[in-house]
Every structure is written in structure tokens, then in C-alpha cells.
Amino acid sequence: MPKETLGSSSELNGVVRMRDTVFFEGPEARQRIGRFWILLTLASVIATAGVVADSTATVIGAMIVAPMMLPIQGSMLAVVLGDRKNLIRRFGFMVAGARSWARRSSGTSTASVPSSWWG
């Protein structure tokens, strides 16, 4: 098997593939951003239900559903490529996702707990 040299077309194709995977760009950006927020909402509801039900397995399941790894991977790639614009965008997704998760979880948990539990 011949070794590929640095800068070969397959290596550059790998970078393009990685960018397409972790950055929300191009014609499918709107769809991918929508999917991110839907999965994040679903994961926060699952995690809240797991906390309310005292179910560790359900909370772990919510972590599997949560799409937060994608912005983290995107920020890593942006650092490696020196892409400041995408680094700021990925960091924004991480912060907005975490804030959204906290807001949804706190609102869902107070709504799902019977009032008799509050004393």
C-alpha cells in the first residue's frame, strides 16, 4: 500500500468531509440547525424526566440523545484549522445549547413535579 504524501487530495478531501460534518454550513444548514435544537429539546425533557423519576439510566440516555458533541467537535476542528469565525459560532452553539437545556429542564421539572412534593 503506497503512503500518501502530506497535502494529497485524499487528505484535503478528509478536511472537507470533516468540515461538512461538524459545521452547519451550506444548503443544509437550516435543516441541521433545526435538528440540533429539536434533539436538544428532546434530550432536556428526557433528562428532566430521569431526574424527577430518580433514574440514572434515563439521564444517561438523555446524554446519548443530546447533540452537544457536535459543537464541541466543531470547535476542535476550528482551532486546528485556525478558523476563528467557526470557532466563535461553535462556542455560541455550546453556550446557547447549555443555557437552553438549563431553562427547559428547570421549567419542565417544576411543571412535572406534583405540588404536594413542594410541601
Protein backbone atom coordinates (compact mmCIF):
# COMPACT_ATOMS: atom_id res chain seq x y z
CA MET A 1 0.00 0.00 0.00
CA PRO A 2 1.57 3.33 -1.03
CA LYS A 3 1.83 6.03 1.59
CA GLU A 4 0.09 9.29 0.76
CA THR A 5 2.09 12.49 0.93
CA LEU A 6 1.11 15.47 3.04
CA GLY A 7 -1.30 17.67 1.16
CA SER A 8 -2.62 14.90 -1.04
CA SER A 9 -6.10 15.12 -2.50
CA SER A 10 -7.50 12.43 -0.17
CA GLU A 11 -6.22 14.32 2.88
CA LEU A 12 -7.83 17.55 1.69
CA ASN A 13 -11.00 15.62 0.95
CA GLY A 14 -10.89 14.43 4.59
CA VAL A 15 -10.78 18.03 5.81
CA VAL A 16 -13.70 18.92 3.55
CA ARG A 17 -15.63 15.93 4.86
CA MET A 18 -14.88 16.90 8.46
CA ARG A 19 -16.00 20.50 7.84
CA ASP A 20 -19.22 19.26 6.25
CA THR A 21 -19.85 17.02 9.25
CA VAL A 22 -19.30 19.44 12.14
CA PHE A 23 -20.02 22.90 10.73
CA PHE A 24 -23.57 23.99 9.93
CA GLU A 25 -22.83 25.49 6.52
CA GLY A 26 -24.17 25.21 3.01
CA PRO A 27 -27.62 24.41 1.68
CA GLU A 28 -28.49 22.04 4.56
CA ALA A 29 -27.51 24.46 7.34
CA ARG A 30 -31.05 25.41 8.28
CA GLN A 31 -32.17 21.78 8.46
CA ARG A 32 -29.15 20.78 10.56
CA ILE A 33 -29.60 23.68 12.98
CA GLY A 34 -33.28 22.77 13.37
CA ARG A 35 -32.37 19.13 14.06
CA PHE A 36 -29.83 20.30 16.66
CA TRP A 37 -32.48 22.28 18.59
CA ILE A 38 -35.10 19.52 18.33
CA LEU A 39 -32.67 16.90 19.68
CA LEU A 40 -31.55 19.27 22.42
CA THR A 41 -35.16 19.88 23.48
CA LEU A 42 -35.90 16.16 23.45
CA ALA A 43 -32.75 15.39 25.46
CA SER A 44 -33.60 18.01 28.09
CA VAL A 45 -37.10 16.59 28.53
CA ILE A 46 -35.68 13.05 28.83
CA ALA A 47 -33.05 14.18 31.35
CA THR A 48 -35.60 16.06 33.41
CA ALA A 49 -37.89 13.04 33.48
CA GLY A 50 -34.93 10.94 34.58
CA VAL A 51 -34.07 13.33 37.41
CA VAL A 52 -37.69 13.55 38.57
CA ALA A 53 -38.03 9.74 38.42
CA ASP A 54 -34.61 9.30 40.08
CA SER A 55 -33.49 7.15 37.13
CA THR A 56 -29.79 7.29 36.36
CA ALA A 57 -30.25 5.20 33.21
CA THR A 58 -32.74 7.72 31.80
CA VAL A 59 -30.36 10.63 32.45
CA ILE A 60 -27.57 8.72 30.70
CA GLY A 61 -29.97 8.05 27.81
CA ALA A 62 -30.57 11.79 27.55
CA MET A 63 -26.83 12.35 27.27
CA ILE A 64 -26.76 9.96 24.32
CA VAL A 65 -29.60 11.84 22.58
CA ALA A 66 -28.09 15.27 23.27
CA PRO A 67 -26.35 16.76 20.21
CA MET A 68 -23.84 18.81 22.23
CA MET A 69 -20.86 16.81 21.00
CA LEU A 70 -21.19 18.28 17.51
CA PRO A 71 -20.38 21.89 18.53
CA ILE A 72 -17.53 20.61 20.72
CA GLN A 73 -16.04 18.70 17.77
CA GLY A 74 -16.62 21.73 15.56
CA SER A 75 -14.72 23.97 17.95
CA MET A 76 -11.82 21.50 17.97
CA LEU A 77 -11.70 21.47 14.17
CA ALA A 78 -11.95 25.27 14.04
CA VAL A 79 -8.96 25.57 16.38
CA VAL A 80 -6.91 23.10 14.31
CA LEU A 81 -7.80 24.89 11.05
CA GLY A 82 -7.39 28.36 12.54
CA ASP A 83 -10.98 29.21 11.57
CA ARG A 84 -11.90 31.98 14.02
CA LYS A 85 -15.38 32.56 12.57
CA ASN A 86 -16.46 28.95 13.04
CA LEU A 87 -14.79 28.77 16.46
CA ILE A 88 -16.95 31.68 17.64
CA ARG A 89 -20.05 30.08 16.09
CA ARG A 90 -19.39 26.70 17.74
CA PHE A 91 -18.76 28.35 21.08
CA GLY A 92 -22.03 30.23 20.64
CA PHE A 93 -23.86 26.95 19.97
CA MET A 94 -22.34 25.41 23.10
CA VAL A 95 -23.32 28.34 25.32
CA ALA A 96 -26.79 28.71 23.79
CA GLY A 97 -27.37 24.96 23.99
CA ALA A 98 -26.33 24.76 27.65
CA ARG A 99 -28.47 27.78 28.58
CA SER A 100 -31.42 26.40 26.66
CA TRP A 101 -31.01 23.00 28.30
CA ALA A 102 -30.97 24.59 31.77
CA ARG A 103 -34.02 26.75 31.05
CA ARG A 104 -36.04 23.89 29.60
CA SER A 105 -35.06 21.48 32.34
CA SER A 106 -35.96 23.85 35.15
CA GLY A 107 -39.29 24.71 33.54
CA THR A 108 -40.12 21.09 32.79
CA SER A 109 -39.11 19.83 36.23
CA THR A 110 -41.28 22.30 38.13
CA ALA A 111 -44.20 21.56 35.82
CA SER A 112 -43.85 17.79 36.14
CA VAL A 113 -43.49 17.55 39.92
CA PRO A 114 -46.78 17.32 41.84
CA SER A 115 -47.45 20.33 44.06
CA SER A 116 -47.66 18.06 47.12
CA TRP A 117 -43.90 17.44 46.79
CA TRP A 118 -43.14 21.10 47.43
CA GLY A 119 -44.59 20.92 50.95
